[in-house]
Amino acid sequence: MNQLPELPELQIVPTESLQPHEEIEEGRARRLIRSLQTEGFLKNPPVVLPIAAVPERYVVLDGANRTTAFKQMGFPHILVQVARSGVEVMSWNHVLRGENPAPLLEAIRGLQDARLTQSDPQQAAAALLARRSLMYLVVPGGEIWQLESPQLALGAQVELLSRVVKLSERNYRRERTGAEDLNGLVKLYPDLSCLLVYPRFEVKDVIEVAASGGLFPSGTTRFLISPRALRVNFPLATLADRSPLESKRQVLDEWVRERMAQRRVRYYAESTFLFDE
């Protein structure tokens, strides 16, 4: 067994203490409920950050659909990984496929507080980095439009971004990507309509928006979390019953000690790709 660093912090917390940071995809939550009920364990615990201003409240960074599934199943408690450092916020961009982008551009122009201006690759990237714009849209052939929002507060920026993402969901098939230009994407997606490029927010931005009840649009934020606890496979029965929280935490402590003693915890220092998710 590889030598272990400090273990990820696993805790059992009240399900209602978790505040999502992004909108929920209801279809995925329903499918997850069926999967959880069939398997009987929680495979990968959601990752959360404490809200410093509110004791025993947490923002969900990864695992919003798992959290929603637990709430809908009526579970009083859920196993989470509490991240206190080692978190970096990245962004997903969206490839839109199918329809011509002209109707989407027209719909965005009709949004309150939205101002689209034509740009070029260097200006669009610089404006997004400096937070002078909220996102930009790249059309095959090189046409670029940026959505300006320098006067809006953070919460209003996120709300406007959510409205844009909802518009993009109407008539297009959507794929997530880390790419910021069309190089290679048109080969992967011959029916590519346009690419939506989003800003990279900071951890404090995510906490601020979530703590105030705001939600980022689904599929726009992603987090690099180190260390990360995966394939934990904790039994749902322990989380589902009505035992006191402290007794469940004692069960978790003993459960972790047993796995350590049985050499069932393995640390991978190198980048790892899992093909059974």
C-alpha atoms as a PDB file:
ATOM      1  CA  MET A   1       0.000   0.000   0.000  1.00  0.00           C
ATOM      2  CA  ASN A   2       1.255   3.467  -0.872  1.00  0.00           C
ATOM      3  CA  GLN A   3       2.133   5.647   2.104  1.00  0.00           C
ATOM      4  CA  LEU A   4      -0.872   7.725   3.107  1.00  0.00           C
ATOM      5  CA  PRO A   5      -0.791  11.497   3.614  1.00  0.00           C
ATOM      6  CA  GLU A   6      -3.316  13.099   5.957  1.00  0.00           C
ATOM      7  CA  LEU A   7      -6.679  11.516   5.186  1.00  0.00           C
ATOM      8  CA  PRO A   8      -9.525  13.526   3.648  1.00  0.00           C
ATOM      9  CA  GLU A   9     -11.887  14.802   6.350  1.00  0.00           C
ATOM     10  CA  LEU A  10     -15.034  12.668   6.262  1.00  0.00           C
ATOM     11  CA  GLN A  11     -18.010  13.753   8.363  1.00  0.00           C
ATOM     12  CA  ILE A  12     -21.651  12.834   8.771  1.00  0.00           C
ATOM     13  CA  VAL A  13     -23.770  15.989   8.820  1.00  0.00           C
ATOM     14  CA  PRO A  14     -27.489  16.826   8.722  1.00  0.00           C
ATOM     15  CA  THR A  15     -28.713  16.679   5.136  1.00  0.00           C
ATOM     16  CA  GLU A  16     -30.519  19.990   5.587  1.00  0.00           C
ATOM     17  CA  SER A  17     -27.244  21.709   6.551  1.00  0.00           C
ATOM     18  CA  LEU A  18     -26.047  21.572   2.935  1.00  0.00           C
ATOM     19  CA  GLN A  19     -26.531  24.520   0.586  1.00  0.00           C
ATOM     20  CA  PRO A  20     -26.060  23.808  -3.133  1.00  0.00           C
ATOM     21  CA  HIS A  21     -24.024  26.284  -5.157  1.00  0.00           C
ATOM     22  CA  GLU A  22     -25.522  25.361  -8.534  1.00  0.00           C
ATOM     23  CA  GLU A  23     -28.892  24.584 -10.046  1.00  0.00           C
ATOM     24  CA  ILE A  24     -29.991  20.954  -9.896  1.00  0.00           C
ATOM     25  CA  GLU A  25     -30.602  18.697 -12.885  1.00  0.00           C
ATOM     26  CA  GLU A  26     -33.777  16.972 -11.693  1.00  0.00           C
ATOM     27  CA  GLY A  27     -33.480  14.096 -14.160  1.00  0.00           C
ATOM     28  CA  ARG A  28     -30.017  13.184 -12.878  1.00  0.00           C
ATOM     29  CA  ALA A  29     -31.199  13.308  -9.257  1.00  0.00           C
ATOM     30  CA  ARG A  30     -34.047  10.883 -10.017  1.00  0.00           C
ATOM     31  CA  ARG A  31     -31.707   8.451 -11.755  1.00  0.00           C
ATOM     32  CA  LEU A  32     -29.296   8.697  -8.842  1.00  0.00           C
ATOM     33  CA  ILE A  33     -32.022   7.778  -6.361  1.00  0.00           C
ATOM     34  CA  ARG A  34     -32.674   4.558  -8.248  1.00  0.00           C
ATOM     35  CA  SER A  35     -28.954   3.796  -8.344  1.00  0.00           C
ATOM     36  CA  LEU A  36     -28.461   4.464  -4.629  1.00  0.00           C
ATOM     37  CA  GLN A  37     -31.436   2.302  -3.678  1.00  0.00           C
ATOM     38  CA  THR A  38     -30.151  -0.548  -5.844  1.00  0.00           C
ATOM     39  CA  GLU A  39     -26.539  -0.437  -4.641  1.00  0.00           C
ATOM     40  CA  GLY A  40     -27.222   0.305  -0.966  1.00  0.00           C
ATOM     41  CA  PHE A  41     -24.197   2.522  -0.366  1.00  0.00           C
ATOM     42  CA  LEU A  42     -22.861   6.013  -1.058  1.00  0.00           C
ATOM     43  CA  LYS A  43     -19.946   5.586  -3.425  1.00  0.00           C
ATOM     44  CA  ASN A  44     -18.421   9.079  -3.590  1.00  0.00           C
ATOM     45  CA  PRO A  45     -19.342  11.540  -0.801  1.00  0.00           C
ATOM     46  CA  PRO A  46     -20.207  15.110  -1.798  1.00  0.00           C
ATOM     47  CA  VAL A  47     -17.453  17.659  -1.161  1.00  0.00           C
ATOM     48  CA  VAL A  48     -18.447  20.675   0.916  1.00  0.00           C
ATOM     49  CA  LEU A  49     -16.941  23.877   2.272  1.00  0.00           C
ATOM     50  CA  PRO A  50     -17.984  25.333   5.651  1.00  0.00           C
ATOM     51  CA  ILE A  51     -19.760  28.694   5.593  1.00  0.00           C
ATOM     52  CA  ALA A  52     -17.665  30.575   8.134  1.00  0.00           C
ATOM     53  CA  ALA A  53     -20.427  33.048   8.998  1.00  0.00           C
ATOM     54  CA  VAL A  54     -23.002  30.321   9.698  1.00  0.00           C
ATOM     55  CA  PRO A  55     -22.010  27.456  12.059  1.00  0.00           C
ATOM     56  CA  GLU A  56     -22.837  23.948  10.830  1.00  0.00           C
ATOM     57  CA  ARG A  57     -23.751  25.118   7.332  1.00  0.00           C
ATOM     58  CA  TYR A  58     -21.890  23.986   4.231  1.00  0.00           C
ATOM     59  CA  VAL A  59     -21.726  24.849   0.544  1.00  0.00           C
ATOM     60  CA  VAL A  60     -21.770  21.817  -1.754  1.00  0.00           C
ATOM     61  CA  LEU A  61     -18.924  22.068  -4.275  1.00  0.00           C
ATOM     62  CA  ASP A  62     -19.277  18.639  -5.868  1.00  0.00           C
ATOM     63  CA  GLY A  63     -22.268  16.335  -5.470  1.00  0.00           C
ATOM     64  CA  ALA A  64     -25.322  18.592  -5.789  1.00  0.00           C
ATOM     65  CA  ASN A  65     -27.389  15.795  -7.328  1.00  0.00           C
ATOM     66  CA  ARG A  66     -26.335  13.338  -4.622  1.00  0.00           C
ATOM     67  CA  THR A  67     -27.337  15.883  -1.980  1.00  0.00           C
ATOM     68  CA  THR A  68     -30.708  16.425  -3.659  1.00  0.00           C
ATOM     69  CA  ALA A  69     -31.256  12.668  -3.883  1.00  0.00           C
ATOM     70  CA  PHE A  70     -30.657  12.294  -0.135  1.00  0.00           C
ATOM     71  CA  LYS A  71     -33.098  15.105   0.634  1.00  0.00           C
ATOM     72  CA  GLN A  72     -35.760  13.625  -1.636  1.00  0.00           C
ATOM     73  CA  MET A  73     -35.298  10.185  -0.045  1.00  0.00           C
ATOM     74  CA  GLY A  74     -35.821  11.743   3.395  1.00  0.00           C
ATOM     75  CA  PHE A  75     -32.405  10.800   4.800  1.00  0.00           C
ATOM     76  CA  PRO A  76     -31.707  12.834   7.970  1.00  0.00           C
ATOM     77  CA  HIS A  77     -27.925  12.630   7.539  1.00  0.00           C
ATOM     78  CA  ILE A  78     -25.369  12.337   4.758  1.00  0.00           C
ATOM     79  CA  LEU A  79     -21.672  11.514   4.558  1.00  0.00           C
ATOM     80  CA  VAL A  80     -19.569  14.350   3.120  1.00  0.00           C
ATOM     81  CA  GLN A  81     -15.942  15.254   2.630  1.00  0.00           C
ATOM     82  CA  VAL A  82     -15.206  18.624   4.265  1.00  0.00           C
ATOM     83  CA  ALA A  83     -12.618  20.601   2.287  1.00  0.00           C
ATOM     84  CA  ARG A  84     -10.821  23.321   4.213  1.00  0.00           C
ATOM     85  CA  SER A  85      -7.973  23.928   1.741  1.00  0.00           C
ATOM     86  CA  GLY A  86      -6.672  22.548  -1.524  1.00  0.00           C
ATOM     87  CA  VAL A  87      -9.669  23.744  -3.568  1.00  0.00           C
ATOM     88  CA  GLU A  88      -9.359  25.503  -6.916  1.00  0.00           C
ATOM     89  CA  VAL A  89     -12.301  26.697  -9.000  1.00  0.00           C
ATOM     90  CA  MET A  90     -12.208  26.051 -12.728  1.00  0.00           C
ATOM     91  CA  SER A  91     -14.922  26.490 -15.325  1.00  0.00           C
ATOM     92  CA  TRP A  92     -16.699  24.335 -17.843  1.00  0.00           C
ATOM     93  CA  ASN A  93     -17.518  25.839 -21.220  1.00  0.00           C
ATOM     94  CA  HIS A  94     -20.443  24.684 -23.336  1.00  0.00           C
ATOM     95  CA  VAL A  95     -20.468  23.375 -26.880  1.00  0.00           C
ATOM     96  CA  LEU A  96     -23.911  23.951 -28.373  1.00  0.00           C
ATOM     97  CA  ARG A  97     -24.906  21.637 -31.180  1.00  0.00           C
ATOM     98  CA  GLY A  98     -27.663  21.718 -33.760  1.00  0.00           C
ATOM     99  CA  GLU A  99     -29.477  24.968 -34.426  1.00  0.00           C
ATOM    100  CA  ASN A 100     -28.053  28.140 -35.972  1.00  0.00           C
ATOM    101  CA  PRO A 101     -26.722  30.476 -33.223  1.00  0.00           C
ATOM    102  CA  ALA A 102     -28.551  33.552 -34.559  1.00  0.00           C
ATOM    103  CA  PRO A 103     -31.763  32.933 -32.528  1.00  0.00           C
ATOM    104  CA  LEU A 104     -29.713  32.502 -29.353  1.00  0.00           C
ATOM    105  CA  LEU A 105     -27.853  35.767 -29.938  1.00  0.00           C
ATOM    106  CA  GLU A 106     -31.162  37.540 -30.509  1.00  0.00           C
ATOM    107  CA  ALA A 107     -32.646  36.045 -27.342  1.00  0.00           C
ATOM    108  CA  ILE A 108     -29.621  37.128 -25.271  1.00  0.00           C
ATOM    109  CA  ARG A 109     -29.949  40.678 -26.605  1.00  0.00           C
ATOM    110  CA  GLY A 110     -33.505  40.689 -25.294  1.00  0.00           C
ATOM    111  CA  LEU A 111     -32.445  39.998 -21.707  1.00  0.00           C
ATOM    112  CA  GLN A 112     -32.491  42.843 -19.217  1.00  0.00           C
ATOM    113  CA  ASP A 113     -28.955  44.103 -18.386  1.00  0.00           C
ATOM    114  CA  ALA A 114     -27.491  42.150 -21.320  1.00  0.00           C
ATOM    115  CA  ARG A 115     -25.266  43.979 -23.802  1.00  0.00           C
ATOM    116  CA  LEU A 116     -23.606  41.974 -26.576  1.00  0.00           C
ATOM    117  CA  THR A 117     -20.694  43.503 -28.430  1.00  0.00           C
ATOM    118  CA  GLN A 118     -18.624  42.029 -31.229  1.00  0.00           C
ATOM    119  CA  SER A 119     -15.038  41.201 -30.252  1.00  0.00           C
ATOM    120  CA  ASP A 120     -11.934  39.250 -31.256  1.00  0.00           C
ATOM    121  CA  PRO A 121     -10.134  36.343 -29.529  1.00  0.00           C
ATOM    122  CA  GLN A 122      -7.591  38.458 -27.646  1.00  0.00           C
ATOM    123  CA  GLN A 123     -10.041  41.122 -26.488  1.00  0.00           C
ATOM    124  CA  ALA A 124     -12.694  38.592 -25.493  1.00  0.00           C
ATOM    125  CA  ALA A 125     -10.259  36.533 -23.418  1.00  0.00           C
ATOM    126  CA  ALA A 126      -8.787  39.643 -21.751  1.00  0.00           C
ATOM    127  CA  ALA A 127     -12.212  41.061 -20.896  1.00  0.00           C
ATOM    128  CA  LEU A 128     -13.328  37.764 -19.374  1.00  0.00           C
ATOM    129  CA  LEU A 129     -10.145  37.483 -17.301  1.00  0.00           C
ATOM    130  CA  ALA A 130     -10.540  41.052 -16.026  1.00  0.00           C
ATOM    131  CA  ARG A 131     -14.240  40.422 -15.296  1.00  0.00           C
ATOM    132  CA  ARG A 132     -15.306  43.203 -17.651  1.00  0.00           C
ATOM    133  CA  SER A 133     -17.491  40.644 -19.394  1.00  0.00           C
ATOM    134  CA  LEU A 134     -19.560  37.737 -18.163  1.00  0.00           C
ATOM    135  CA  MET A 135     -19.009  35.297 -21.022  1.00  0.00           C
ATOM    136  CA  TYR A 136     -18.374  35.221 -24.739  1.00  0.00           C
ATOM    137  CA  LEU A 137     -19.740  33.226 -27.630  1.00  0.00           C
ATOM    138  CA  VAL A 138     -17.658  31.902 -30.529  1.00  0.00           C
ATOM    139  CA  VAL A 139     -19.282  30.991 -33.851  1.00  0.00           C
ATOM    140  CA  PRO A 140     -17.600  28.736 -36.441  1.00  0.00           C
ATOM    141  CA  GLY A 141     -15.886  31.022 -38.894  1.00  0.00           C
ATOM    142  CA  GLY A 142     -14.436  33.226 -36.156  1.00  0.00           C
ATOM    143  CA  GLU A 143     -17.254  35.574 -35.169  1.00  0.00           C
ATOM    144  CA  ILE A 144     -17.093  36.385 -31.431  1.00  0.00           C
ATOM    145  CA  TRP A 145     -19.643  38.143 -29.228  1.00  0.00           C
ATOM    146  CA  GLN A 146     -19.003  39.077 -25.610  1.00  0.00           C
ATOM    147  CA  LEU A 147     -21.609  39.763 -22.944  1.00  0.00           C
ATOM    148  CA  GLU A 148     -20.621  42.841 -20.956  1.00  0.00           C
ATOM    149  CA  SER A 149     -21.614  43.212 -17.316  1.00  0.00           C
ATOM    150  CA  PRO A 150     -19.069  45.402 -15.487  1.00  0.00           C
ATOM    151  CA  GLN A 151     -21.673  47.332 -13.466  1.00  0.00           C
ATOM    152  CA  LEU A 152     -23.518  44.350 -12.013  1.00  0.00           C
ATOM    153  CA  ALA A 153     -22.864  42.993  -8.534  1.00  0.00           C
ATOM    154  CA  LEU A 154     -21.705  39.395  -8.214  1.00  0.00           C
ATOM    155  CA  GLY A 155     -25.143  37.968  -7.441  1.00  0.00           C
ATOM    156  CA  ALA A 156     -26.701  39.801 -10.387  1.00  0.00           C
ATOM    157  CA  GLN A 157     -23.909  38.599 -12.683  1.00  0.00           C
ATOM    158  CA  VAL A 158     -24.553  34.973 -11.728  1.00  0.00           C
ATOM    159  CA  GLU A 159     -28.309  35.439 -12.182  1.00  0.00           C
ATOM    160  CA  LEU A 160     -27.778  36.889 -15.669  1.00  0.00           C
ATOM    161  CA  LEU A 161     -25.424  34.031 -16.521  1.00  0.00           C
ATOM    162  CA  SER A 162     -28.124  31.584 -15.440  1.00  0.00           C
ATOM    163  CA  ARG A 163     -30.623  33.220 -17.780  1.00  0.00           C
ATOM    164  CA  VAL A 164     -28.179  32.901 -20.682  1.00  0.00           C
ATOM    165  CA  VAL A 165     -27.572  29.216 -19.930  1.00  0.00           C
ATOM    166  CA  LYS A 166     -31.323  28.559 -19.757  1.00  0.00           C
ATOM    167  CA  LEU A 167     -31.727  30.157 -23.181  1.00  0.00           C
ATOM    168  CA  SER A 168     -29.004  27.896 -24.560  1.00  0.00           C
ATOM    169  CA  GLU A 169     -30.840  24.807 -23.290  1.00  0.00           C
ATOM    170  CA  ARG A 170     -33.970  25.437 -25.339  1.00  0.00           C
ATOM    171  CA  ASN A 171     -32.998  24.385 -28.853  1.00  0.00           C
ATOM    172  CA  TYR A 172     -29.463  23.034 -28.573  1.00  0.00           C
ATOM    173  CA  ARG A 173     -27.739  19.888 -27.403  1.00  0.00           C
ATOM    174  CA  ARG A 174     -25.091  20.838 -24.868  1.00  0.00           C
ATOM    175  CA  GLU A 175     -21.675  19.313 -24.164  1.00  0.00           C
ATOM    176  CA  ARG A 176     -19.216  20.371 -21.469  1.00  0.00           C
ATOM    177  CA  THR A 177     -15.645  21.124 -22.471  1.00  0.00           C
ATOM    178  CA  GLY A 178     -12.520  22.671 -21.003  1.00  0.00           C
ATOM    179  CA  ALA A 179     -11.541  24.141 -24.385  1.00  0.00           C
ATOM    180  CA  GLU A 180     -11.699  27.892 -24.942  1.00  0.00           C
ATOM    181  CA  ASP A 181     -11.497  27.954 -28.724  1.00  0.00           C
ATOM    182  CA  LEU A 182     -12.866  25.968 -31.616  1.00  0.00           C
ATOM    183  CA  ASN A 183      -9.615  24.191 -32.527  1.00  0.00           C
ATOM    184  CA  GLY A 184     -10.396  20.513 -32.563  1.00  0.00           C
ATOM    185  CA  LEU A 185     -13.981  20.937 -31.375  1.00  0.00           C
ATOM    186  CA  VAL A 186     -15.412  21.145 -34.881  1.00  0.00           C
ATOM    187  CA  LYS A 187     -13.799  17.769 -35.601  1.00  0.00           C
ATOM    188  CA  LEU A 188     -15.414  16.228 -32.531  1.00  0.00           C
ATOM    189  CA  TYR A 189     -18.772  17.905 -33.151  1.00  0.00           C
ATOM    190  CA  PRO A 190     -19.499  18.353 -36.873  1.00  0.00           C
ATOM    191  CA  ASP A 191     -22.878  19.900 -35.969  1.00  0.00           C
ATOM    192  CA  LEU A 192     -21.278  22.466 -33.628  1.00  0.00           C
ATOM    193  CA  SER A 193     -23.356  25.643 -33.520  1.00  0.00           C
ATOM    194  CA  CYS A 194     -21.238  27.763 -31.176  1.00  0.00           C
ATOM    195  CA  LEU A 195     -19.037  27.684 -28.083  1.00  0.00           C
ATOM    196  CA  LEU A 196     -19.973  29.507 -24.874  1.00  0.00           C
ATOM    197  CA  VAL A 197     -16.927  30.457 -22.786  1.00  0.00           C
ATOM    198  CA  TYR A 198     -17.523  31.270 -19.110  1.00  0.00           C
ATOM    199  CA  PRO A 199     -15.421  33.055 -16.476  1.00  0.00           C
ATOM    200  CA  ARG A 200     -13.425  31.386 -13.756  1.00  0.00           C
ATOM    201  CA  PHE A 201     -14.841  32.414 -10.384  1.00  0.00           C
ATOM    202  CA  GLU A 202     -13.010  32.227  -7.056  1.00  0.00           C
ATOM    203  CA  VAL A 203     -13.851  30.089  -4.037  1.00  0.00           C
ATOM    204  CA  LYS A 204     -14.972  33.154  -2.093  1.00  0.00           C
ATOM    205  CA  ASP A 205     -17.359  34.045  -4.934  1.00  0.00           C
ATOM    206  CA  VAL A 206     -18.964  30.613  -4.775  1.00  0.00           C
ATOM    207  CA  ILE A 207     -19.424  30.827  -1.004  1.00  0.00           C
ATOM    208  CA  GLU A 208     -20.802  34.380  -1.208  1.00  0.00           C
ATOM    209  CA  VAL A 209     -23.395  33.501  -3.830  1.00  0.00           C
ATOM    210  CA  ALA A 210     -24.447  30.216  -2.212  1.00  0.00           C
ATOM    211  CA  ALA A 211     -24.631  31.682   1.307  1.00  0.00           C
ATOM    212  CA  SER A 212     -27.049  34.331   0.037  1.00  0.00           C
ATOM    213  CA  GLY A 213     -29.257  31.697  -1.595  1.00  0.00           C
ATOM    214  CA  GLY A 214     -28.038  32.217  -5.157  1.00  0.00           C
ATOM    215  CA  LEU A 215     -27.252  29.417  -7.585  1.00  0.00           C
ATOM    216  CA  PHE A 216     -24.722  29.156 -10.375  1.00  0.00           C
ATOM    217  CA  PRO A 217     -26.066  27.611 -13.585  1.00  0.00           C
ATOM    218  CA  SER A 218     -25.623  23.876 -13.777  1.00  0.00           C
ATOM    219  CA  GLY A 219     -22.522  22.668 -15.571  1.00  0.00           C
ATOM    220  CA  THR A 220     -20.454  25.874 -15.490  1.00  0.00           C
ATOM    221  CA  THR A 221     -18.261  25.429 -12.393  1.00  0.00           C
ATOM    222  CA  ARG A 222     -15.835  22.612 -11.674  1.00  0.00           C
ATOM    223  CA  PHE A 223     -13.479  22.149  -8.772  1.00  0.00           C
ATOM    224  CA  LEU A 224     -10.006  20.713  -8.382  1.00  0.00           C
ATOM    225  CA  ILE A 225      -9.985  19.179  -4.901  1.00  0.00           C
ATOM    226  CA  SER A 226      -6.943  17.634  -3.264  1.00  0.00           C
ATOM    227  CA  PRO A 227      -7.013  15.267  -1.521  1.00  0.00           C
ATOM    228  CA  ARG A 228     -10.247  13.657  -2.730  1.00  0.00           C
ATOM    229  CA  ALA A 229     -12.008  10.688  -1.161  1.00  0.00           C
ATOM    230  CA  LEU A 230     -13.451   8.381  -3.840  1.00  0.00           C
ATOM    231  CA  ARG A 231     -15.081   4.940  -3.841  1.00  0.00           C
ATOM    232  CA  VAL A 232     -15.765   5.219  -0.131  1.00  0.00           C
ATOM    233  CA  ASN A 233     -18.834   2.933  -0.395  1.00  0.00           C
ATOM    234  CA  PHE A 234     -20.398   3.867   2.942  1.00  0.00           C
ATOM    235  CA  PRO A 235     -23.602   1.944   3.828  1.00  0.00           C
ATOM    236  CA  LEU A 236     -26.836   3.875   3.315  1.00  0.00           C
ATOM    237  CA  ALA A 237     -28.505   2.046   6.185  1.00  0.00           C
ATOM    238  CA  THR A 238     -26.354   3.931   8.691  1.00  0.00           C
ATOM    239  CA  LEU A 239     -27.358   7.273   7.179  1.00  0.00           C
ATOM    240  CA  ALA A 240     -31.049   6.425   6.784  1.00  0.00           C
ATOM    241  CA  ASP A 241     -31.929   5.478  10.361  1.00  0.00           C
ATOM    242  CA  ARG A 242     -32.971   7.966  13.034  1.00  0.00           C
ATOM    243  CA  SER A 243     -30.081   7.417  15.424  1.00  0.00           C
ATOM    244  CA  PRO A 244     -28.516  10.555  16.939  1.00  0.00           C
ATOM    245  CA  LEU A 245     -25.893  12.295  14.819  1.00  0.00           C
ATOM    246  CA  GLU A 246     -23.119  11.755  17.364  1.00  0.00           C
ATOM    247  CA  SER A 247     -23.670   7.999  17.431  1.00  0.00           C
ATOM    248  CA  LYS A 248     -23.438   7.887  13.636  1.00  0.00           C
ATOM    249  CA  ARG A 249     -20.197   9.855  13.756  1.00  0.00           C
ATOM    250  CA  GLN A 250     -18.797   7.268  16.159  1.00  0.00           C
ATOM    251  CA  VAL A 251     -19.814   4.539  13.713  1.00  0.00           C
ATOM    252  CA  LEU A 252     -17.997   6.415  10.936  1.00  0.00           C
ATOM    253  CA  ASP A 253     -14.829   6.778  13.033  1.00  0.00           C
ATOM    254  CA  GLU A 254     -14.775   3.043  13.748  1.00  0.00           C
ATOM    255  CA  TRP A 255     -15.564   2.244  10.107  1.00  0.00           C
ATOM    256  CA  VAL A 256     -12.564   4.318   8.919  1.00  0.00           C
ATOM    257  CA  ARG A 257     -10.258   2.747  11.534  1.00  0.00           C
ATOM    258  CA  GLU A 258     -11.274  -0.742  10.397  1.00  0.00           C
ATOM    259  CA  ARG A 259     -10.482   0.046   6.776  1.00  0.00           C
ATOM    260  CA  MET A 260      -7.129   1.460   7.714  1.00  0.00           C
ATOM    261  CA  ALA A 261      -6.334  -1.632   9.803  1.00  0.00           C
ATOM    262  CA  GLN A 262      -7.407  -3.896   6.927  1.00  0.00           C
ATOM    263  CA  ARG A 263      -5.210  -1.909   4.500  1.00  0.00           C
ATOM    264  CA  ARG A 264      -8.226  -1.080   2.337  1.00  0.00           C
ATOM    265  CA  VAL A 265      -7.361   2.608   1.880  1.00  0.00           C
ATOM    266  CA  ARG A 266      -4.992   3.401  -0.968  1.00  0.00           C
ATOM    267  CA  TYR A 267      -3.437   6.749  -1.871  1.00  0.00           C
ATOM    268  CA  TYR A 268      -2.591   7.592  -5.484  1.00  0.00           C
ATOM    269  CA  ALA A 269      -0.130  10.467  -5.802  1.00  0.00           C
ATOM    270  CA  GLU A 270      -0.264  10.420  -9.586  1.00  0.00           C
ATOM    271  CA  SER A 271      -3.130  11.617 -11.763  1.00  0.00           C
ATOM    272  CA  THR A 272      -5.729   8.865 -11.934  1.00  0.00           C
ATOM    273  CA  PHE A 273      -8.505   8.154 -14.421  1.00  0.00           C
ATOM    274  CA  LEU A 274     -11.456   6.067 -13.201  1.00  0.00           C
ATOM    275  CA  PHE A 275     -13.373   4.158 -15.856  1.00  0.00           C
ATOM    276  CA  ASP A 276     -16.115   2.769 -13.621  1.00  0.00           C
ATOM    277  CA  GLU A 277     -17.953   6.007 -12.764  1.00  0.00           C
END
